[in-house]
Amino acid sequence: MTNRQVPLMLSVPRECRDALRMMAAKRNLQNPAKVTAAASIARELILEGIERAERIEMALNPSEK
C-alpha cells in the first residue's frame, strides 16, 4: 500500500467509537509525548484487516498471484 492517504467517512456503532476512544486514552497515558486519536487506531485496525484478508485470499487462490 502507498503512504498517500485519502479521507474516508466511516460510521460505527457508539460502542465501537467508545472502545476506540478508550484505546486512544490508554495509549496517551502510556506515552503523553505522542498524542493518539481514536481515528488513528481505527485506521491501523482497518489496514491490518485488509492486509490479513489479502494474505488469506492469496493462500486460498495461489494461482491468481
PDB file of N, CA and C in Angstrom:
ATOM      1  N   MET A   1       0.847  -1.183   0.000  1.00  0.00           N
ATOM      2  CA  MET A   1       0.000   0.000   0.000  1.00  0.00           C
ATOM      3  C   MET A   1       0.885   1.237   0.000  1.00  0.00           C
ATOM      4  N   THR A   2       0.392   2.287  -0.592  1.00  0.00           N
ATOM      5  CA  THR A   2       1.162   3.527  -0.641  1.00  0.00           C
ATOM      6  C   THR A   2       0.930   4.335   0.625  1.00  0.00           C
ATOM      7  N   ASN A   3       1.762   5.334   0.821  1.00  0.00           N
ATOM      8  CA  ASN A   3       1.641   6.179   2.006  1.00  0.00           C
ATOM      9  C   ASN A   3       0.670   7.339   1.807  1.00  0.00           C
ATOM     10  N   ARG A   4       0.203   7.520   0.575  1.00  0.00           N
ATOM     11  CA  ARG A   4      -0.736   8.602   0.316  1.00  0.00           C
ATOM     12  C   ARG A   4      -2.075   8.267   0.950  1.00  0.00           C
ATOM     13  N   GLN A   5      -2.562   9.155   1.772  1.00  0.00           N
ATOM     14  CA  GLN A   5      -3.820   8.897   2.475  1.00  0.00           C
ATOM     15  C   GLN A   5      -4.924   9.754   1.887  1.00  0.00           C
ATOM     16  N   VAL A   6      -6.106   9.180   1.813  1.00  0.00           N
ATOM     17  CA  VAL A   6      -7.289   9.902   1.356  1.00  0.00           C
ATOM     18  C   VAL A   6      -8.358   9.772   2.427  1.00  0.00           C
ATOM     19  N   PRO A   7      -9.231  10.759   2.535  1.00  0.00           N
ATOM     20  CA  PRO A   7     -10.266  10.694   3.569  1.00  0.00           C
ATOM     21  C   PRO A   7     -11.316   9.634   3.254  1.00  0.00           C
ATOM     22  N   LEU A   8     -11.854   9.053   4.321  1.00  0.00           N
ATOM     23  CA  LEU A   8     -12.909   8.053   4.201  1.00  0.00           C
ATOM     24  C   LEU A   8     -13.869   8.263   5.365  1.00  0.00           C
ATOM     25  N   MET A   9     -15.128   8.455   5.052  1.00  0.00           N
ATOM     26  CA  MET A   9     -16.136   8.616   6.095  1.00  0.00           C
ATOM     27  C   MET A   9     -16.605   7.228   6.513  1.00  0.00           C
ATOM     28  N   LEU A  10     -16.605   6.970   7.791  1.00  0.00           N
ATOM     29  CA  LEU A  10     -16.952   5.657   8.306  1.00  0.00           C
ATOM     30  C   LEU A  10     -17.883   5.813   9.496  1.00  0.00           C
ATOM     31  N   SER A  11     -18.939   5.041   9.512  1.00  0.00           N
ATOM     32  CA  SER A  11     -19.870   5.058  10.639  1.00  0.00           C
ATOM     33  C   SER A  11     -19.748   3.740  11.386  1.00  0.00           C
ATOM     34  N   VAL A  12     -19.630   3.831  12.702  1.00  0.00           N
ATOM     35  CA  VAL A  12     -19.536   2.648  13.552  1.00  0.00           C
ATOM     36  C   VAL A  12     -20.527   2.810  14.700  1.00  0.00           C
ATOM     37  N   PRO A  13     -20.904   1.709  15.322  1.00  0.00           N
ATOM     38  CA  PRO A  13     -21.778   1.824  16.494  1.00  0.00           C
ATOM     39  C   PRO A  13     -21.082   2.598  17.619  1.00  0.00           C
ATOM     40  N   ARG A  14     -21.888   3.202  18.460  1.00  0.00           N
ATOM     41  CA  ARG A  14     -21.372   4.007  19.566  1.00  0.00           C
ATOM     42  C   ARG A  14     -20.392   3.207  20.434  1.00  0.00           C
ATOM     43  N   GLU A  15     -20.680   1.913  20.626  1.00  0.00           N
ATOM     44  CA  GLU A  15     -19.807   1.074  21.452  1.00  0.00           C
ATOM     45  C   GLU A  15     -18.400   0.965  20.847  1.00  0.00           C
ATOM     46  N   CYS A  16     -18.337   0.854  19.530  1.00  0.00           N
ATOM     47  CA  CYS A  16     -17.031   0.787  18.851  1.00  0.00           C
ATOM     48  C   CYS A  16     -16.294   2.107  18.997  1.00  0.00           C
ATOM     49  N   ARG A  17     -16.995   3.205  18.812  1.00  0.00           N
ATOM     50  CA  ARG A  17     -16.379   4.516  18.977  1.00  0.00           C
ATOM     51  C   ARG A  17     -15.816   4.680  20.388  1.00  0.00           C
ATOM     52  N   ASP A  18     -16.618   4.257  21.374  1.00  0.00           N
ATOM     53  CA  ASP A  18     -16.171   4.380  22.760  1.00  0.00           C
ATOM     54  C   ASP A  18     -14.948   3.505  23.024  1.00  0.00           C
ATOM     55  N   ALA A  19     -14.931   2.300  22.450  1.00  0.00           N
ATOM     56  CA  ALA A  19     -13.784   1.405  22.622  1.00  0.00           C
ATOM     57  C   ALA A  19     -12.529   2.020  21.988  1.00  0.00           C
ATOM     58  N   LEU A  20     -12.671   2.614  20.807  1.00  0.00           N
ATOM     59  CA  LEU A  20     -11.538   3.267  20.153  1.00  0.00           C
ATOM     60  C   LEU A  20     -11.031   4.444  20.990  1.00  0.00           C
ATOM     61  N   ARG A  21     -11.948   5.192  21.564  1.00  0.00           N
ATOM     62  CA  ARG A  21     -11.556   6.320  22.423  1.00  0.00           C
ATOM     63  C   ARG A  21     -10.815   5.834  23.666  1.00  0.00           C
ATOM     64  N   MET A  22     -11.273   4.719  24.238  1.00  0.00           N
ATOM     65  CA  MET A  22     -10.590   4.167  25.417  1.00  0.00           C
ATOM     66  C   MET A  22      -9.184   3.693  25.056  1.00  0.00           C
ATOM     67  N   MET A  23      -9.040   3.040  23.891  1.00  0.00           N
ATOM     68  CA  MET A  23      -7.718   2.602  23.447  1.00  0.00           C
ATOM     69  C   MET A  23      -6.793   3.799  23.267  1.00  0.00           C
ATOM     70  N   ALA A  24      -7.323   4.861  22.673  1.00  0.00           N
ATOM     71  CA  ALA A  24      -6.526   6.067  22.460  1.00  0.00           C
ATOM     72  C   ALA A  24      -6.127   6.694  23.799  1.00  0.00           C
ATOM     73  N   ALA A  25      -7.062   6.743  24.722  1.00  0.00           N
ATOM     74  CA  ALA A  25      -6.760   7.318  26.041  1.00  0.00           C
ATOM     75  C   ALA A  25      -5.661   6.528  26.745  1.00  0.00           C
ATOM     76  N   LYS A  26      -5.720   5.188  26.662  1.00  0.00           N
ATOM     77  CA  LYS A  26      -4.685   4.356  27.285  1.00  0.00           C
ATOM     78  C   LYS A  26      -3.319   4.612  26.659  1.00  0.00           C
ATOM     79  N   ARG A  27      -3.291   4.709  25.325  1.00  0.00           N
ATOM     80  CA  ARG A  27      -2.014   5.000  24.649  1.00  0.00           C
ATOM     81  C   ARG A  27      -1.482   6.367  25.059  1.00  0.00           C
ATOM     82  N   ASN A  28      -2.385   7.339  25.187  1.00  0.00           N
ATOM     83  CA  ASN A  28      -1.968   8.689  25.562  1.00  0.00           C
ATOM     84  C   ASN A  28      -1.411   8.721  26.988  1.00  0.00           C
ATOM     85  N   LEU A  29      -1.980   7.900  27.871  1.00  0.00           N
ATOM     86  CA  LEU A  29      -1.451   7.824  29.239  1.00  0.00           C
ATOM     87  C   LEU A  29      -0.094   7.133  29.266  1.00  0.00           C
ATOM     88  N   GLN A  30       0.081   6.114  28.402  1.00  0.00           N
ATOM     89  CA  GLN A  30       1.355   5.389  28.351  1.00  0.00           C
ATOM     90  C   GLN A  30       2.471   6.254  27.772  1.00  0.00           C
ATOM     91  N   ASN A  31       2.123   7.110  26.802  1.00  0.00           N
ATOM     92  CA  ASN A  31       3.127   7.944  26.151  1.00  0.00           C
ATOM     93  C   ASN A  31       2.542   9.336  25.909  1.00  0.00           C
ATOM     94  N   PRO A  32       2.568  10.189  26.925  1.00  0.00           N
ATOM     95  CA  PRO A  32       1.970  11.526  26.798  1.00  0.00           C
ATOM     96  C   PRO A  32       2.643  12.408  25.744  1.00  0.00           C
ATOM     97  N   ALA A  33       3.861  12.081  25.351  1.00  0.00           N
ATOM     98  CA  ALA A  33       4.559  12.882  24.355  1.00  0.00           C
ATOM     99  C   ALA A  33       4.005  12.649  22.947  1.00  0.00           C
ATOM    100  N   LYS A  34       3.304  11.539  22.759  1.00  0.00           N
ATOM    101  CA  LYS A  34       2.735  11.226  21.448  1.00  0.00           C
ATOM    102  C   LYS A  34       1.223  11.093  21.587  1.00  0.00           C
ATOM    103  N   VAL A  35       0.490  12.027  21.010  1.00  0.00           N
ATOM    104  CA  VAL A  35      -0.964  12.024  21.113  1.00  0.00           C
ATOM    105  C   VAL A  35      -1.544  11.081  20.060  1.00  0.00           C
ATOM    106  N   THR A  36      -2.382  10.166  20.508  1.00  0.00           N
ATOM    107  CA  THR A  36      -3.039   9.211  19.625  1.00  0.00           C
ATOM    108  C   THR A  36      -4.535   9.477  19.628  1.00  0.00           C
ATOM    109  N   ALA A  37      -5.139   9.508  18.442  1.00  0.00           N
ATOM    110  CA  ALA A  37      -6.579   9.721  18.316  1.00  0.00           C
ATOM    111  C   ALA A  37      -7.277   8.401  18.024  1.00  0.00           C
ATOM    112  N   ALA A  38      -8.545   8.349  18.345  1.00  0.00           N
ATOM    113  CA  ALA A  38      -9.342   7.161  18.059  1.00  0.00           C
ATOM    114  C   ALA A  38      -9.333   6.859  16.560  1.00  0.00           C
ATOM    115  N   ALA A  39      -9.356   7.895  15.735  1.00  0.00           N
ATOM    116  CA  ALA A  39      -9.328   7.707  14.282  1.00  0.00           C
ATOM    117  C   ALA A  39      -8.027   7.050  13.828  1.00  0.00           C
ATOM    118  N   SER A  40      -6.920   7.369  14.481  1.00  0.00           N
ATOM    119  CA  SER A  40      -5.636   6.749  14.138  1.00  0.00           C
ATOM    120  C   SER A  40      -5.658   5.254  14.420  1.00  0.00           C
ATOM    121  N   ILE A  41      -6.242   4.885  15.539  1.00  0.00           N
ATOM    122  CA  ILE A  41      -6.342   3.471  15.889  1.00  0.00           C
ATOM    123  C   ILE A  41      -7.279   2.760  14.913  1.00  0.00           C
ATOM    124  N   ALA A  42      -8.385   3.399  14.550  1.00  0.00           N
ATOM    125  CA  ALA A  42      -9.306   2.803  13.585  1.00  0.00           C
ATOM    126  C   ALA A  42      -8.600   2.576  12.250  1.00  0.00           C
ATOM    127  N   ARG A  43      -7.794   3.541  11.822  1.00  0.00           N
ATOM    128  CA  ARG A  43      -7.041   3.399  10.573  1.00  0.00           C
ATOM    129  C   ARG A  43      -6.085   2.219  10.655  1.00  0.00           C
ATOM    130  N   GLU A  44      -5.362   2.088  11.768  1.00  0.00           N
ATOM    131  CA  GLU A  44      -4.446   0.957  11.960  1.00  0.00           C
ATOM    132  C   GLU A  44      -5.188  -0.372  11.857  1.00  0.00           C
ATOM    133  N   LEU A  45      -6.337  -0.463  12.527  1.00  0.00           N
ATOM    134  CA  LEU A  45      -7.110  -1.701  12.526  1.00  0.00           C
ATOM    135  C   LEU A  45      -7.636  -2.047  11.134  1.00  0.00           C
ATOM    136  N   ILE A  46      -8.087  -1.045  10.402  1.00  0.00           N
ATOM    137  CA  ILE A  46      -8.587  -1.280   9.044  1.00  0.00           C
ATOM    138  C   ILE A  46      -7.459  -1.763   8.145  1.00  0.00           C
ATOM    139  N   LEU A  47      -6.297  -1.113   8.214  1.00  0.00           N
ATOM    140  CA  LEU A  47      -5.165  -1.518   7.377  1.00  0.00           C
ATOM    141  C   LEU A  47      -4.703  -2.933   7.715  1.00  0.00           C
ATOM    142  N   GLU A  48      -4.648  -3.252   8.999  1.00  0.00           N
ATOM    143  CA  GLU A  48      -4.282  -4.620   9.410  1.00  0.00           C
ATOM    144  C   GLU A  48      -5.293  -5.634   8.879  1.00  0.00           C
ATOM    145  N   GLY A  49      -6.574  -5.292   8.969  1.00  0.00           N
ATOM    146  CA  GLY A  49      -7.622  -6.193   8.492  1.00  0.00           C
ATOM    147  C   GLY A  49      -7.536  -6.422   6.993  1.00  0.00           C
ATOM    148  N   ILE A  50      -7.258  -5.374   6.232  1.00  0.00           N
ATOM    149  CA  ILE A  50      -7.130  -5.508   4.786  1.00  0.00           C
ATOM    150  C   ILE A  50      -5.926  -6.372   4.438  1.00  0.00           C
ATOM    151  N   GLU A  51      -4.802  -6.134   5.107  1.00  0.00           N
ATOM    152  CA  GLU A  51      -3.604  -6.945   4.858  1.00  0.00           C
ATOM    153  C   GLU A  51      -3.862  -8.413   5.180  1.00  0.00           C
ATOM    154  N   ARG A  52      -4.525  -8.679   6.281  1.00  0.00           N
ATOM    155  CA  ARG A  52      -4.842 -10.057   6.676  1.00  0.00           C
ATOM    156  C   ARG A  52      -5.776 -10.703   5.652  1.00  0.00           C
ATOM    157  N   ALA A  53      -6.785  -9.977   5.206  1.00  0.00           N
ATOM    158  CA  ALA A  53      -7.719 -10.508   4.216  1.00  0.00           C
ATOM    159  C   ALA A  53      -7.005 -10.805   2.897  1.00  0.00           C
ATOM    160  N   GLU A  54      -6.071  -9.928   2.506  1.00  0.00           N
ATOM    161  CA  GLU A  54      -5.315 -10.165   1.273  1.00  0.00           C
ATOM    162  C   GLU A  54      -4.446 -11.411   1.389  1.00  0.00           C
ATOM    163  N   ARG A  55      -3.812 -11.623   2.548  1.00  0.00           N
ATOM    164  CA  ARG A  55      -2.989 -12.820   2.751  1.00  0.00           C
ATOM    165  C   ARG A  55      -3.844 -14.083   2.692  1.00  0.00           C
ATOM    166  N   ILE A  56      -5.016 -14.041   3.306  1.00  0.00           N
ATOM    167  CA  ILE A  56      -5.920 -15.195   3.284  1.00  0.00           C
ATOM    168  C   ILE A  56      -6.366 -15.473   1.855  1.00  0.00           C
ATOM    169  N   GLU A  57      -6.721 -14.412   1.142  1.00  0.00           N
ATOM    170  CA  GLU A  57      -7.164 -14.571  -0.242  1.00  0.00           C
ATOM    171  C   GLU A  57      -6.051 -15.162  -1.111  1.00  0.00           C
ATOM    172  N   MET A  58      -4.818 -14.720  -0.912  1.00  0.00           N
ATOM    173  CA  MET A  58      -3.683 -15.255  -1.673  1.00  0.00           C
ATOM    174  C   MET A  58      -3.481 -16.733  -1.348  1.00  0.00           C
ATOM    175  N   ALA A  59      -3.664 -17.107  -0.098  1.00  0.00           N
ATOM    176  CA  ALA A  59      -3.487 -18.506   0.296  1.00  0.00           C
ATOM    177  C   ALA A  59      -4.590 -19.384  -0.292  1.00  0.00           C
ATOM    178  N   LEU A  60      -5.786 -18.848  -0.414  1.00  0.00           N
ATOM    179  CA  LEU A  60      -6.901 -19.616  -0.966  1.00  0.00           C
ATOM    180  C   LEU A  60      -6.841 -19.719  -2.485  1.00  0.00           C
ATOM    181  N   ASN A  61      -6.246 -18.707  -3.123  1.00  0.00           N
ATOM    182  CA  ASN A  61      -6.160 -18.667  -4.589  1.00  0.00           C
ATOM    183  C   ASN A  61      -4.716 -18.436  -5.028  1.00  0.00           C
ATOM    184  N   PRO A  62      -3.801 -19.372  -4.791  1.00  0.00           N
ATOM    185  CA  PRO A  62      -2.391 -19.139  -5.097  1.00  0.00           C
ATOM    186  C   PRO A  62      -2.101 -18.940  -6.586  1.00  0.00           C
ATOM    187  N   SER A  63      -2.966 -19.388  -7.475  1.00  0.00           N
ATOM    188  CA  SER A  63      -2.715 -19.244  -8.909  1.00  0.00           C
ATOM    189  C   SER A  63      -3.009 -17.830  -9.410  1.00  0.00           C
ATOM    190  N   GLU A  64      -3.637 -16.994  -8.624  1.00  0.00           N
ATOM    191  CA  GLU A  64      -4.008 -15.627  -9.034  1.00  0.00           C
ATOM    192  C   GLU A  64      -2.982 -14.602  -8.602  1.00  0.00           C
ATOM    193  N   LYS A  65      -1.731 -14.966  -8.399  1.00  0.00           N
ATOM    194  CA  LYS A  65      -0.697 -14.015  -7.949  1.00  0.00           C
ATOM    195  C   LYS A  65      -0.318 -13.055  -9.011  1.00  0.00           C
TER     196      LYS A  65
END
